[in-house]
N, C-alpha and C. Protein backbone atom coordinates (compact mmCIF):
# COMPACT_ATOMS: atom_id res chain seq x y z
N MET A 1 -2.61 -8.91 -22.27
CA MET A 1 -1.71 -8.72 -21.40
C MET A 1 -1.26 -9.63 -20.50
N PRO A 2 0.00 -9.73 -20.30
CA PRO A 2 0.65 -10.60 -19.21
C PRO A 2 0.19 -10.20 -17.95
N THR A 3 0.11 -11.16 -17.05
CA THR A 3 -0.12 -11.12 -15.77
C THR A 3 1.28 -10.95 -15.06
N SER A 4 1.54 -9.92 -14.26
CA SER A 4 2.69 -9.75 -13.48
C SER A 4 2.41 -9.99 -12.05
N GLU A 5 3.61 -10.11 -11.19
CA GLU A 5 3.38 -10.43 -9.86
C GLU A 5 4.71 -9.60 -9.14
N LEU A 6 4.21 -8.71 -8.19
CA LEU A 6 5.11 -8.01 -7.65
C LEU A 6 4.87 -8.07 -6.07
N GLU A 7 5.98 -8.31 -5.51
CA GLU A 7 6.29 -8.38 -4.39
C GLU A 7 7.17 -7.31 -3.53
N PHE A 8 6.22 -7.04 -2.17
CA PHE A 8 7.21 -6.11 -1.27
C PHE A 8 7.01 -6.67 -0.08
N TYR A 9 8.13 -6.27 0.85
CA TYR A 9 8.34 -6.49 2.04
C TYR A 9 8.56 -4.97 2.91
N ARG A 10 8.18 -4.99 4.17
CA ARG A 10 8.66 -4.05 4.81
C ARG A 10 8.22 -4.19 6.44
N GLY A 11 9.08 -3.73 7.03
CA GLY A 11 8.95 -4.00 8.63
C GLY A 11 8.75 -2.63 9.41
N TYR A 12 7.91 -2.88 10.56
CA TYR A 12 7.54 -1.59 11.11
C TYR A 12 7.57 -2.14 12.46
N ASP A 13 8.08 -1.04 13.36
CA ASP A 13 8.25 -1.05 14.60
C ASP A 13 7.29 -0.80 15.50
N LEU A 14 6.15 -1.48 15.21
CA LEU A 14 4.64 -1.20 15.84
C LEU A 14 4.16 -2.85 15.90
N PRO A 15 3.33 -2.76 16.75
CA PRO A 15 2.30 -4.01 17.05
C PRO A 15 1.56 -4.26 15.54
N VAL A 16 0.95 -5.38 15.32
CA VAL A 16 0.21 -5.78 13.99
C VAL A 16 -1.00 -4.96 14.29
N SER A 17 -1.58 -4.77 14.87
CA SER A 17 -2.93 -4.14 15.73
C SER A 17 -2.67 -2.65 15.10
N ILE A 18 -1.87 -1.96 15.33
CA ILE A 18 -1.56 -0.75 14.69
C ILE A 18 -1.95 -0.55 13.20
N VAL A 19 -0.77 -1.38 12.84
CA VAL A 19 -0.69 -1.55 11.16
C VAL A 19 -1.69 -1.91 10.42
N TRP A 20 -2.32 -2.81 11.04
CA TRP A 20 -3.56 -3.45 10.37
C TRP A 20 -4.79 -2.42 10.35
N ASP A 21 -4.93 -1.83 11.21
CA ASP A 21 -5.74 -0.63 11.60
C ASP A 21 -5.54 0.41 10.46
N ALA A 22 -4.20 0.87 9.69
CA ALA A 22 -4.02 1.49 8.74
C ALA A 22 -4.23 0.86 7.61
N LEU A 23 -4.62 -0.39 7.41
CA LEU A 23 -5.14 -1.16 6.35
C LEU A 23 -6.62 -1.02 6.09
N ILE A 24 -7.58 -0.67 7.17
CA ILE A 24 -8.89 -1.05 6.93
C ILE A 24 -9.54 0.07 7.61
N ASP A 25 -9.12 1.07 8.31
CA ASP A 25 -9.77 2.47 8.54
C ASP A 25 -9.64 3.44 7.50
N GLU A 26 -10.66 3.89 7.17
CA GLU A 26 -10.74 4.94 5.77
C GLU A 26 -9.76 6.21 6.19
N VAL A 27 -9.96 6.76 7.29
CA VAL A 27 -9.35 8.00 7.59
C VAL A 27 -7.76 7.76 7.61
N LEU A 28 -7.40 6.38 8.38
CA LEU A 28 -5.85 6.15 8.38
C LEU A 28 -5.64 5.66 6.90
N VAL A 29 -6.23 5.16 5.97
CA VAL A 29 -5.74 4.82 4.55
C VAL A 29 -5.67 5.94 4.02
N GLU A 30 -6.41 7.08 4.21
CA GLU A 30 -6.32 8.34 3.36
C GLU A 30 -4.96 9.22 3.97
N GLY A 31 -4.44 8.67 5.23
CA GLY A 31 -3.33 9.31 5.37
C GLY A 31 -1.95 8.76 5.09
N TRP A 32 -1.88 7.81 4.06
CA TRP A 32 -0.74 6.93 3.48
C TRP A 32 -0.93 6.53 2.07
N LEU A 33 -2.24 6.34 1.82
CA LEU A 33 -2.56 5.60 0.58
C LEU A 33 -3.12 6.58 -0.55
N ALA A 34 -4.42 6.91 -0.06
CA ALA A 34 -5.54 7.56 -0.96
C ALA A 34 -6.90 7.73 -0.13
N SER A 35 -7.57 8.75 -0.74
CA SER A 35 -8.94 8.67 -0.03
C SER A 35 -9.62 7.38 -0.33
N ALA A 36 -10.27 6.92 0.73
CA ALA A 36 -10.94 5.62 0.80
C ALA A 36 -12.35 5.75 1.24
N ARG A 37 -13.17 4.35 0.79
CA ARG A 37 -14.32 4.12 1.45
C ARG A 37 -14.22 2.45 1.43
N ILE A 38 -14.27 1.94 2.89
CA ILE A 38 -14.11 0.67 3.05
C ILE A 38 -14.85 0.09 3.88
N ASP A 39 -15.67 -1.13 3.43
CA ASP A 39 -16.38 -1.82 4.28
C ASP A 39 -15.62 -3.19 4.52
N PRO A 40 -14.96 -3.28 5.69
CA PRO A 40 -14.08 -4.16 5.83
C PRO A 40 -14.72 -5.64 6.57
N ARG A 41 -15.13 -6.35 5.38
CA ARG A 41 -15.87 -7.53 5.51
C ARG A 41 -15.81 -8.35 4.03
N VAL A 42 -15.75 -9.39 4.21
CA VAL A 42 -15.62 -10.25 2.76
C VAL A 42 -16.85 -9.81 1.92
N GLY A 43 -16.60 -9.48 0.76
CA GLY A 43 -17.64 -8.77 -0.16
C GLY A 43 -17.67 -7.39 0.13
N GLY A 44 -17.13 -6.58 1.10
CA GLY A 44 -17.17 -5.39 1.04
C GLY A 44 -16.27 -4.41 0.19
N LEU A 45 -16.66 -3.23 -0.07
CA LEU A 45 -16.11 -2.11 -0.78
C LEU A 45 -14.84 -1.85 -0.25
N TYR A 46 -13.84 -1.76 -1.22
CA TYR A 46 -12.45 -1.13 -0.92
C TYR A 46 -12.13 -0.12 -1.93
N TRP A 47 -12.60 1.00 -1.97
CA TRP A 47 -12.65 2.17 -2.89
C TRP A 47 -11.25 3.25 -2.74
N LEU A 48 -10.82 3.49 -3.49
CA LEU A 48 -9.41 4.38 -3.28
C LEU A 48 -9.48 5.44 -4.50
N GLY A 49 -9.58 6.71 -4.01
CA GLY A 49 -9.35 8.14 -4.80
C GLY A 49 -8.09 8.49 -4.80
N TRP A 50 -7.24 8.11 -5.87
CA TRP A 50 -5.57 8.54 -5.90
C TRP A 50 -5.42 9.94 -5.71
N GLN A 51 -4.30 10.53 -5.23
CA GLN A 51 -4.19 11.81 -4.81
C GLN A 51 -2.42 12.07 -4.97
N GLY A 52 -2.02 13.16 -4.77
CA GLY A 52 -0.65 13.38 -5.03
C GLY A 52 0.10 13.08 -6.52
N GLY A 53 0.84 12.41 -6.57
CA GLY A 53 1.48 12.25 -7.99
C GLY A 53 0.81 11.04 -8.82
N ALA A 54 -0.28 10.43 -8.42
CA ALA A 54 -0.94 9.43 -9.29
C ALA A 54 -1.67 10.17 -10.10
N THR A 55 -1.70 9.59 -11.18
CA THR A 55 -2.71 9.93 -12.50
C THR A 55 -3.67 8.86 -12.70
N LEU A 56 -3.68 7.72 -11.72
CA LEU A 56 -4.75 6.56 -12.08
C LEU A 56 -6.30 7.27 -11.83
N ALA A 57 -6.61 6.67 -12.45
CA ALA A 57 -8.46 6.87 -12.21
C ALA A 57 -8.64 6.17 -10.79
N PRO A 58 -9.96 6.52 -10.05
CA PRO A 58 -9.93 5.80 -9.03
C PRO A 58 -10.18 4.31 -8.94
N THR A 59 -9.85 3.80 -7.94
CA THR A 59 -9.84 2.02 -7.84
C THR A 59 -11.22 1.34 -7.21
N SER A 60 -11.73 0.55 -7.91
CA SER A 60 -13.03 0.27 -7.30
C SER A 60 -12.58 -1.27 -6.84
N GLY A 61 -12.68 -1.82 -5.57
CA GLY A 61 -12.18 -3.10 -5.44
C GLY A 61 -13.30 -3.59 -4.25
N THR A 62 -12.65 -5.21 -4.26
CA THR A 62 -14.02 -5.86 -3.47
C THR A 62 -13.02 -6.74 -2.43
N ILE A 63 -13.02 -6.63 -0.99
CA ILE A 63 -12.61 -7.43 -0.18
C ILE A 63 -12.81 -9.15 -0.60
N THR A 64 -11.96 -9.91 -0.62
CA THR A 64 -12.24 -11.33 -1.36
C THR A 64 -11.99 -12.16 -0.12
N ALA A 65 -11.02 -11.65 1.19
CA ALA A 65 -10.59 -12.42 2.01
C ALA A 65 -10.23 -11.49 3.18
N ILE A 66 -10.61 -11.80 4.49
CA ILE A 66 -10.08 -10.98 5.36
C ILE A 66 -9.85 -11.77 6.60
N ASP A 67 -8.94 -11.94 7.23
CA ASP A 67 -8.52 -12.43 8.52
C ASP A 67 -7.86 -11.18 9.34
N PRO A 68 -8.84 -10.76 10.24
CA PRO A 68 -8.43 -9.62 11.19
C PRO A 68 -6.91 -9.68 11.62
N ARG A 69 -5.99 -8.69 11.57
CA ARG A 69 -4.73 -8.69 12.07
C ARG A 69 -3.74 -9.55 11.11
N ARG A 70 -4.36 -10.36 10.31
CA ARG A 70 -3.26 -11.32 9.53
C ARG A 70 -3.41 -11.10 8.01
N GLN A 71 -4.53 -10.90 6.93
CA GLN A 71 -4.45 -11.06 5.88
C GLN A 71 -5.81 -10.17 5.42
N LEU A 72 -5.43 -9.23 4.16
CA LEU A 72 -6.39 -8.66 3.51
C LEU A 72 -6.38 -8.89 2.21
N ILE A 73 -7.15 -9.43 1.23
CA ILE A 73 -6.99 -9.78 -0.09
C ILE A 73 -8.14 -8.74 -0.79
N ILE A 74 -7.89 -7.96 -1.74
CA ILE A 74 -8.60 -7.27 -2.46
C ILE A 74 -8.37 -7.23 -4.09
N GLU A 75 -9.73 -7.60 -4.65
CA GLU A 75 -9.49 -7.38 -6.26
C GLU A 75 -9.95 -6.23 -6.57
N THR A 76 -9.31 -5.71 -7.56
CA THR A 76 -9.59 -4.27 -7.85
C THR A 76 -10.00 -4.32 -9.40
N ASP A 77 -10.52 -2.99 -9.80
CA ASP A 77 -10.86 -3.05 -11.32
C ASP A 77 -9.57 -2.51 -12.06
N ASN A 78 -8.46 -2.03 -11.52
CA ASN A 78 -7.69 -1.20 -12.25
C ASN A 78 -6.00 -1.39 -11.71
N ILE A 79 -6.10 -2.11 -10.75
CA ILE A 79 -4.54 -2.27 -10.01
C ILE A 79 -4.43 -3.64 -9.79
N GLY A 80 -5.37 -4.40 -10.00
CA GLY A 80 -4.86 -6.07 -9.77
C GLY A 80 -5.55 -6.57 -8.49
N ILE A 81 -4.79 -7.66 -8.05
CA ILE A 81 -5.33 -8.15 -6.90
C ILE A 81 -4.12 -8.13 -5.85
N LEU A 82 -4.51 -7.37 -4.92
CA LEU A 82 -3.71 -7.05 -3.62
C LEU A 82 -3.75 -7.69 -2.48
N GLU A 83 -2.67 -8.56 -2.11
CA GLU A 83 -2.75 -9.42 -0.90
C GLU A 83 -1.68 -8.97 0.11
N PHE A 84 -2.40 -8.42 1.21
CA PHE A 84 -1.42 -7.80 2.39
C PHE A 84 -1.48 -9.04 3.46
N THR A 85 -0.39 -9.45 3.85
CA THR A 85 -0.26 -10.50 4.82
C THR A 85 0.48 -9.83 6.12
N LEU A 86 0.19 -9.68 7.32
CA LEU A 86 0.83 -9.19 8.48
C LEU A 86 1.41 -10.31 9.32
N ASP A 87 2.71 -10.19 9.88
CA ASP A 87 3.08 -11.16 10.63
C ASP A 87 3.77 -10.37 12.03
N SER A 88 3.39 -10.85 13.05
CA SER A 88 3.93 -10.51 14.34
C SER A 88 5.52 -11.01 14.67
N VAL A 89 6.33 -9.88 14.83
CA VAL A 89 7.67 -10.33 15.06
C VAL A 89 8.11 -9.82 16.64
N GLU A 90 8.53 -10.72 17.18
CA GLU A 90 9.14 -10.44 18.70
C GLU A 90 10.17 -9.23 18.55
N GLY A 91 10.27 -8.34 19.37
CA GLY A 91 11.22 -7.32 19.59
C GLY A 91 10.59 -6.16 19.38
N GLY A 92 11.44 -5.01 19.19
CA GLY A 92 10.99 -3.55 18.93
C GLY A 92 10.97 -2.96 20.04
N THR A 93 10.29 -1.58 19.74
CA THR A 93 10.09 -0.72 21.05
C THR A 93 8.88 -0.86 22.05
N ARG A 94 7.89 -1.84 21.49
CA ARG A 94 6.95 -2.05 21.93
C ARG A 94 6.74 -3.28 22.66
N GLY A 95 7.77 -4.00 22.25
CA GLY A 95 7.71 -5.45 22.43
C GLY A 95 7.55 -6.49 21.20
N THR A 96 6.58 -6.05 20.31
CA THR A 96 6.27 -6.60 19.16
C THR A 96 6.62 -5.68 17.67
N SER A 97 6.77 -6.02 16.71
CA SER A 97 6.84 -5.19 15.42
C SER A 97 5.81 -6.22 14.47
N THR A 98 6.22 -5.62 13.23
CA THR A 98 5.20 -6.00 12.30
C THR A 98 5.66 -6.01 10.99
N ASP A 99 6.08 -7.58 10.33
CA ASP A 99 6.62 -7.64 8.82
C ASP A 99 5.26 -7.32 8.12
N LEU A 100 5.28 -6.43 7.05
CA LEU A 100 4.16 -6.60 6.13
C LEU A 100 4.59 -7.19 4.66
N HIS A 101 3.84 -7.94 4.36
CA HIS A 101 4.18 -8.25 3.08
C HIS A 101 3.14 -8.04 2.04
N LEU A 102 3.27 -7.54 0.87
CA LEU A 102 2.21 -7.25 -0.08
C LEU A 102 2.62 -7.74 -1.65
N THR A 103 1.63 -8.73 -2.09
CA THR A 103 1.81 -9.22 -3.46
C THR A 103 0.92 -8.73 -4.21
N ILE A 104 1.31 -8.16 -5.43
CA ILE A 104 0.40 -7.63 -6.31
C ILE A 104 0.53 -8.51 -7.61
N ARG A 105 -0.81 -9.05 -7.83
CA ARG A 105 -1.00 -9.78 -9.31
C ARG A 105 -1.76 -8.54 -10.29
N VAL A 106 -1.17 -8.56 -11.22
CA VAL A 106 -1.81 -7.40 -12.16
C VAL A 106 -1.32 -7.54 -13.48
N ASP A 107 -2.62 -7.37 -14.40
CA ASP A 107 -2.26 -7.77 -16.03
C ASP A 107 -1.94 -6.29 -16.44
N THR A 108 -0.78 -6.24 -16.96
CA THR A 108 -0.20 -4.87 -17.28
C THR A 108 1.09 -4.92 -18.04
N GLU A 109 1.16 -3.85 -19.00
CA GLU A 109 2.54 -3.82 -19.82
C GLU A 109 3.63 -4.02 -18.86
N PRO A 110 4.57 -4.60 -19.12
CA PRO A 110 5.98 -4.78 -18.32
C PRO A 110 6.42 -3.69 -18.20
N ARG A 111 6.35 -2.46 -19.10
CA ARG A 111 6.99 -1.08 -19.18
C ARG A 111 6.34 -0.16 -18.01
N LEU A 112 5.21 -0.65 -17.27
CA LEU A 112 4.38 0.11 -16.38
C LEU A 112 5.11 -0.46 -14.98
N LEU A 113 5.55 -1.68 -14.88
CA LEU A 113 5.93 -2.14 -13.52
C LEU A 113 6.78 -1.32 -12.69
N ALA A 114 7.93 -0.67 -13.39
CA ALA A 114 8.75 0.07 -12.54
C ALA A 114 8.10 1.51 -11.85
N SER A 115 6.99 1.97 -12.54
CA SER A 115 6.31 3.17 -11.93
C SER A 115 5.43 2.42 -10.89
N THR A 116 4.95 1.17 -11.00
CA THR A 116 3.93 0.47 -9.89
C THR A 116 4.89 0.14 -8.66
N TYR A 117 6.25 -0.30 -8.99
CA TYR A 117 7.01 -0.40 -7.95
C TYR A 117 7.45 0.77 -7.11
N ALA A 118 7.81 1.93 -7.98
CA ALA A 118 8.20 3.08 -7.15
C ALA A 118 7.08 3.69 -6.42
N TYR A 119 5.77 3.61 -7.12
CA TYR A 119 4.52 4.16 -6.07
C TYR A 119 4.37 3.49 -4.92
N TRP A 120 4.55 1.87 -4.96
CA TRP A 120 4.27 1.27 -3.41
C TRP A 120 5.26 1.23 -2.83
N GLN A 121 6.53 1.65 -3.11
CA GLN A 121 7.62 2.01 -2.28
C GLN A 121 7.53 3.18 -1.43
N CYS A 122 7.01 4.04 -2.17
CA CYS A 122 6.65 5.40 -1.50
C CYS A 122 5.59 5.37 -0.56
N ASN A 123 4.51 4.46 -1.04
CA ASN A 123 3.37 4.36 -0.30
C ASN A 123 3.59 3.61 1.15
N PHE A 124 4.65 2.78 1.05
CA PHE A 124 4.92 2.05 2.12
C PHE A 124 5.68 3.32 3.31
N ASP A 125 6.67 3.97 2.49
CA ASP A 125 7.55 5.16 3.27
C ASP A 125 6.36 6.08 4.03
N GLN A 126 5.17 6.35 3.17
CA GLN A 126 3.85 7.17 3.73
C GLN A 126 3.49 6.45 4.89
N LEU A 127 3.29 5.25 4.90
CA LEU A 127 2.80 4.45 6.02
C LEU A 127 3.63 4.40 7.13
N GLU A 128 4.89 4.31 6.85
CA GLU A 128 5.85 4.58 7.84
C GLU A 128 5.41 6.03 8.74
N SER A 129 5.47 6.93 8.04
CA SER A 129 5.35 8.36 8.23
C SER A 129 3.95 8.37 9.19
N LEU A 130 2.87 7.91 8.54
CA LEU A 130 1.60 8.06 9.32
C LEU A 130 1.70 7.05 10.66
N LEU A 131 2.21 6.11 10.62
CA LEU A 131 2.35 5.36 12.00
C LEU A 131 2.92 6.08 13.11
N ARG A 132 4.08 7.09 12.40
CA ARG A 132 4.60 7.85 13.59
C ARG A 132 3.95 9.20 13.70
N GLY A 133 2.57 9.28 13.16
CA GLY A 133 1.88 10.50 13.38
C GLY A 133 1.88 11.55 12.43
N HIS A 134 2.69 11.27 11.27
CA HIS A 134 2.79 12.35 10.20
C HIS A 134 1.97 11.84 8.92
N PRO A 135 0.68 12.05 8.81
CA PRO A 135 0.06 11.81 7.67
C PRO A 135 0.72 12.59 6.40
N VAL A 136 0.15 11.90 5.32
CA VAL A 136 0.78 12.72 3.86
C VAL A 136 -0.23 13.86 3.85
N ASP A 137 0.63 14.98 3.41
CA ASP A 137 -0.20 16.06 3.05
C ASP A 137 -0.08 16.06 1.59
N TRP A 138 -1.37 15.88 1.06
CA TRP A 138 -1.66 15.25 -0.42
C TRP A 138 -1.16 16.60 -1.25
N THR A 139 -1.47 17.91 -0.58
CA THR A 139 -1.21 18.92 -1.51
C THR A 139 0.00 19.56 -1.78
N THR A 140 0.99 18.99 -0.92
CA THR A 140 2.57 19.05 -1.00
C THR A 140 3.19 17.87 -1.46
N TRP A 141 2.66 16.83 -2.05
CA TRP A 141 3.10 15.68 -2.27
C TRP A 141 4.12 15.63 -3.20
N GLN A 142 4.12 16.40 -4.28
CA GLN A 142 5.27 16.43 -5.10
C GLN A 142 6.56 16.71 -4.60
N ARG A 143 6.09 17.84 -3.72
CA ARG A 143 7.37 18.47 -3.47
C ARG A 143 8.03 17.69 -2.20
N ASP A 144 7.08 17.37 -1.24
CA ASP A 144 7.65 16.39 -0.05
C ASP A 144 8.09 14.76 -0.85
N ARG A 145 7.31 14.22 -1.51
CA ARG A 145 7.53 12.99 -2.03
C ARG A 145 8.28 12.56 -3.26
N GLY A 146 8.29 13.78 -4.13
CA GLY A 146 8.73 13.46 -5.52
C GLY A 146 9.80 12.80 -5.92
N ASP A 147 10.82 13.51 -4.93
CA ASP A 147 12.34 12.92 -5.02
C ASP A 147 12.66 11.58 -4.62
N ALA A 148 11.70 11.07 -3.80
CA ALA A 148 11.66 9.51 -3.17
C ALA A 148 10.92 8.67 -4.63
N PHE A 149 10.00 9.21 -5.04
CA PHE A 149 9.64 8.63 -6.05
C PHE A 149 10.28 8.17 -7.07
N ALA A 150 11.00 9.61 -7.54
CA ALA A 150 12.06 9.50 -8.81
C ALA A 150 13.44 8.46 -8.43
N SER A 151 13.55 8.41 -7.31
CA SER A 151 14.66 7.70 -6.86
C SER A 151 14.21 5.87 -6.95
N TYR A 152 13.15 5.65 -6.36
CA TYR A 152 12.51 4.29 -6.50
C TYR A 152 12.35 4.13 -8.17
N LEU A 153 11.95 4.79 -8.87
CA LEU A 153 11.75 4.63 -10.15
C LEU A 153 13.04 4.52 -10.90
N ARG A 154 14.07 5.24 -10.54
CA ARG A 154 15.49 4.78 -11.11
C ARG A 154 15.87 3.57 -10.81
N GLU A 155 15.74 3.20 -9.60
CA GLU A 155 16.17 1.83 -9.09
C GLU A 155 15.21 0.63 -9.85
N ALA A 156 14.05 0.80 -9.93
CA ALA A 156 13.27 -0.44 -10.59
C ALA A 156 13.50 -0.32 -11.97
N SER A 157 14.04 0.92 -12.69
CA SER A 157 14.50 0.88 -14.24
C SER A 157 15.63 0.21 -14.47
N LYS A 158 16.69 0.36 -13.34
CA LYS A 158 17.69 -0.16 -13.41
C LYS A 158 17.73 -1.95 -13.47
N ALA A 159 16.53 -2.18 -12.53
CA ALA A 159 16.76 -3.69 -12.20
C ALA A 159 16.25 -4.50 -13.68
N ASN A 160 15.32 -3.86 -14.63
CA ASN A 160 14.78 -4.43 -15.49
C ASN A 160 15.41 -4.28 -16.55
């Protein structure tokens, strides 16, 4: 299968330290992405148990690079290589904001890229909600997030 690269950018009106914690703290990760087991060090486990609308088997990953509050790279067994980069930006309600960049390198069929795009856009919406004190209720994900997912999927499908 061909290797594809997807890139995502999202700004959050909170300091890097807060956004960083949402990438490496198991409880916070479950509030926006998936149930998690994380050992935040190079060589550490980064395991995700997908919930909500996902039909993917659990993801087992290894942290291959970690630069606290700056970069996290995870090699996974089924969703590719995830490279998170955080940049501090002046401004925002607390004096600094965070620009989050995610690059995904994955061996997959091109027809699956639209759903990958849609899920990650929803994930970043969910991260915004978590950072504002509203973690995902996975039991009502379809009702609460299904329309947003469908909209992102249509957007991605039109782009291809």
